[in-house]
N, C-alpha and C. Protein backbone atom coordinates (compact mmCIF):
# COMPACT_ATOMS: atom_id res chain seq x y z
N UNK A 1 0.84 -1.18 0.00
CA UNK A 1 0.00 0.00 0.00
C UNK A 1 0.89 1.24 0.00
N UNK A 2 0.97 1.91 -1.11
CA UNK A 2 1.75 3.13 -1.21
C UNK A 2 0.93 4.31 -0.71
N UNK A 3 1.60 5.23 -0.03
CA UNK A 3 0.94 6.41 0.50
C UNK A 3 1.57 7.65 -0.12
N UNK A 4 0.79 8.72 -0.20
CA UNK A 4 1.35 9.95 -0.75
C UNK A 4 2.26 10.60 0.29
N UNK A 5 3.10 11.50 -0.15
CA UNK A 5 4.11 12.10 0.73
C UNK A 5 3.49 12.90 1.87
N UNK A 6 2.33 13.51 1.67
CA UNK A 6 1.66 14.27 2.73
C UNK A 6 1.22 13.33 3.86
N UNK A 7 0.71 12.16 3.50
CA UNK A 7 0.29 11.17 4.50
C UNK A 7 1.50 10.66 5.27
N UNK A 8 2.56 10.35 4.56
CA UNK A 8 3.79 9.87 5.19
C UNK A 8 4.34 10.91 6.16
N UNK A 9 4.40 12.16 5.73
CA UNK A 9 4.90 13.26 6.56
C UNK A 9 4.04 13.43 7.81
N UNK A 10 2.74 13.34 7.67
CA UNK A 10 1.82 13.48 8.80
C UNK A 10 2.03 12.36 9.82
N UNK A 11 2.16 11.14 9.33
CA UNK A 11 2.39 10.00 10.22
C UNK A 11 3.75 10.10 10.92
N UNK A 12 4.74 10.56 10.20
CA UNK A 12 6.08 10.74 10.76
C UNK A 12 6.03 11.76 11.91
N UNK A 13 5.38 12.89 11.69
CA UNK A 13 5.29 13.92 12.72
C UNK A 13 4.54 13.42 13.95
N UNK A 14 3.46 12.68 13.74
CA UNK A 14 2.70 12.12 14.84
C UNK A 14 3.55 11.12 15.64
N UNK A 15 4.32 10.29 14.94
CA UNK A 15 5.22 9.34 15.60
C UNK A 15 6.22 10.08 16.48
N UNK A 16 6.86 11.11 15.94
CA UNK A 16 7.85 11.88 16.70
C UNK A 16 7.21 12.53 17.92
N UNK A 17 6.05 13.12 17.76
CA UNK A 17 5.36 13.77 18.88
C UNK A 17 5.04 12.78 19.99
N UNK A 18 4.50 11.61 19.62
CA UNK A 18 4.13 10.60 20.61
C UNK A 18 5.37 10.05 21.34
N UNK A 19 6.42 9.79 20.59
CA UNK A 19 7.64 9.25 21.19
C UNK A 19 8.30 10.30 22.09
N UNK A 20 8.32 11.55 21.67
CA UNK A 20 8.90 12.61 22.50
C UNK A 20 8.13 12.76 23.80
N UNK A 21 6.82 12.62 23.75
CA UNK A 21 5.99 12.77 24.95
C UNK A 21 6.14 11.57 25.90
N UNK A 22 6.19 10.36 25.34
CA UNK A 22 6.23 9.16 26.18
C UNK A 22 7.65 8.68 26.48
N UNK A 23 8.61 9.10 25.64
CA UNK A 23 10.00 8.64 25.73
C UNK A 23 10.11 7.11 25.57
N UNK A 24 9.18 6.54 24.80
CA UNK A 24 9.15 5.10 24.54
C UNK A 24 8.93 4.82 23.07
N UNK A 25 9.57 3.77 22.57
CA UNK A 25 9.22 3.20 21.27
C UNK A 25 8.99 1.71 21.49
N UNK A 26 8.23 1.11 20.63
CA UNK A 26 7.91 -0.31 20.73
C UNK A 26 8.42 -1.03 19.50
N UNK A 27 8.99 -2.22 19.72
CA UNK A 27 9.45 -3.07 18.63
C UNK A 27 9.00 -4.50 18.89
N UNK A 28 9.23 -5.36 17.94
CA UNK A 28 8.87 -6.77 18.06
C UNK A 28 10.14 -7.61 18.09
N UNK A 29 10.19 -8.54 19.04
CA UNK A 29 11.38 -9.36 19.21
C UNK A 29 10.95 -10.76 19.64
N UNK A 30 11.69 -11.78 19.18
CA UNK A 30 11.48 -13.14 19.66
C UNK A 30 12.83 -13.74 20.02
N UNK A 31 12.89 -15.06 20.21
CA UNK A 31 14.15 -15.71 20.59
C UNK A 31 15.25 -15.51 19.57
N UNK A 32 14.89 -15.32 18.31
CA UNK A 32 15.87 -15.16 17.23
C UNK A 32 16.34 -13.72 17.08
N UNK A 33 15.68 -12.78 17.72
CA UNK A 33 16.09 -11.38 17.63
C UNK A 33 14.94 -10.47 17.24
N UNK A 34 15.29 -9.26 16.83
CA UNK A 34 14.32 -8.24 16.48
C UNK A 34 13.67 -8.55 15.14
N UNK A 35 12.36 -8.28 15.07
CA UNK A 35 11.67 -8.38 13.79
C UNK A 35 12.28 -7.34 12.86
N UNK A 36 12.45 -7.71 11.61
CA UNK A 36 13.01 -6.77 10.65
C UNK A 36 12.40 -6.99 9.28
N UNK A 37 12.71 -6.08 8.41
CA UNK A 37 12.19 -6.12 7.04
C UNK A 37 13.26 -5.57 6.13
N UNK A 38 13.11 -5.83 4.86
CA UNK A 38 14.05 -5.27 3.90
C UNK A 38 13.54 -3.91 3.42
N UNK A 39 14.44 -2.95 3.36
CA UNK A 39 14.09 -1.62 2.88
C UNK A 39 13.68 -1.69 1.42
N UNK A 40 12.85 -0.76 1.01
CA UNK A 40 12.44 -0.73 -0.40
C UNK A 40 13.37 0.15 -1.24
N UNK A 41 14.56 0.45 -0.74
CA UNK A 41 15.50 1.27 -1.51
C UNK A 41 16.29 0.46 -2.53
N UNK A 42 16.08 -0.85 -2.56
CA UNK A 42 16.72 -1.69 -3.55
C UNK A 42 18.15 -2.06 -3.24
N UNK A 43 18.64 -1.72 -2.07
CA UNK A 43 20.04 -2.00 -1.71
C UNK A 43 20.17 -3.17 -0.75
N UNK A 44 19.07 -3.86 -0.44
CA UNK A 44 19.13 -4.99 0.47
C UNK A 44 19.38 -4.59 1.92
N UNK A 45 19.00 -3.39 2.28
CA UNK A 45 19.20 -2.87 3.62
C UNK A 45 18.10 -3.37 4.55
N UNK A 46 18.50 -3.98 5.67
CA UNK A 46 17.52 -4.43 6.66
C UNK A 46 17.12 -3.26 7.55
N UNK A 47 15.84 -3.20 7.89
CA UNK A 47 15.35 -2.16 8.80
C UNK A 47 14.63 -2.83 9.96
N UNK A 48 14.62 -2.18 11.11
CA UNK A 48 13.87 -2.64 12.27
C UNK A 48 12.74 -1.65 12.49
N UNK A 49 11.50 -2.09 12.36
CA UNK A 49 10.38 -1.16 12.55
C UNK A 49 10.13 -0.88 14.03
N UNK A 50 9.74 0.34 14.32
CA UNK A 50 9.36 0.76 15.66
C UNK A 50 8.00 1.43 15.59
N UNK A 51 7.26 1.35 16.69
CA UNK A 51 5.95 1.96 16.79
C UNK A 51 5.91 2.89 17.99
N UNK A 52 5.03 3.85 17.96
CA UNK A 52 4.91 4.81 19.05
C UNK A 52 3.94 4.34 20.13
N UNK A 53 3.30 3.21 19.91
CA UNK A 53 2.29 2.72 20.84
C UNK A 53 2.32 1.20 20.87
N UNK A 54 2.20 0.62 22.05
CA UNK A 54 2.24 -0.83 22.17
C UNK A 54 1.15 -1.51 21.34
N UNK A 55 -0.03 -0.91 21.31
CA UNK A 55 -1.14 -1.50 20.56
C UNK A 55 -0.82 -1.59 19.07
N UNK A 56 -0.12 -0.60 18.53
CA UNK A 56 0.25 -0.63 17.10
C UNK A 56 1.23 -1.78 16.83
N UNK A 57 2.21 -1.94 17.72
CA UNK A 57 3.17 -3.04 17.55
C UNK A 57 2.47 -4.38 17.67
N UNK A 58 1.61 -4.50 18.68
CA UNK A 58 0.89 -5.75 18.89
C UNK A 58 0.01 -6.12 17.70
N UNK A 59 -0.57 -5.11 17.05
CA UNK A 59 -1.43 -5.37 15.89
C UNK A 59 -0.63 -5.95 14.72
N UNK A 60 0.67 -5.69 14.70
CA UNK A 60 1.52 -6.20 13.61
C UNK A 60 2.17 -7.54 13.93
N UNK A 61 2.08 -7.97 15.20
CA UNK A 61 2.71 -9.22 15.62
C UNK A 61 1.93 -10.41 15.07
N UNK A 62 2.67 -11.39 14.56
CA UNK A 62 2.08 -12.63 14.08
C UNK A 62 2.95 -13.79 14.57
N UNK A 63 2.32 -14.86 14.99
CA UNK A 63 3.02 -16.05 15.47
C UNK A 63 4.03 -15.66 16.54
N UNK A 64 5.29 -16.15 16.38
CA UNK A 64 6.35 -15.82 17.34
C UNK A 64 6.77 -14.37 17.15
């Protein structure tokens, strides 16, 4: 699902505001390590996603 740059910018600002207020970020981890994904920049760069709210991270968790 591709988003326009205004939507991306809005979500980015909201993430920064929430993290600055709570001083917390949420990630997903199991016995093998942190959940990660490949960047879409075409260079094979691995990224670790973070969320500003536990519920958002939990909604993305599947299986382990």
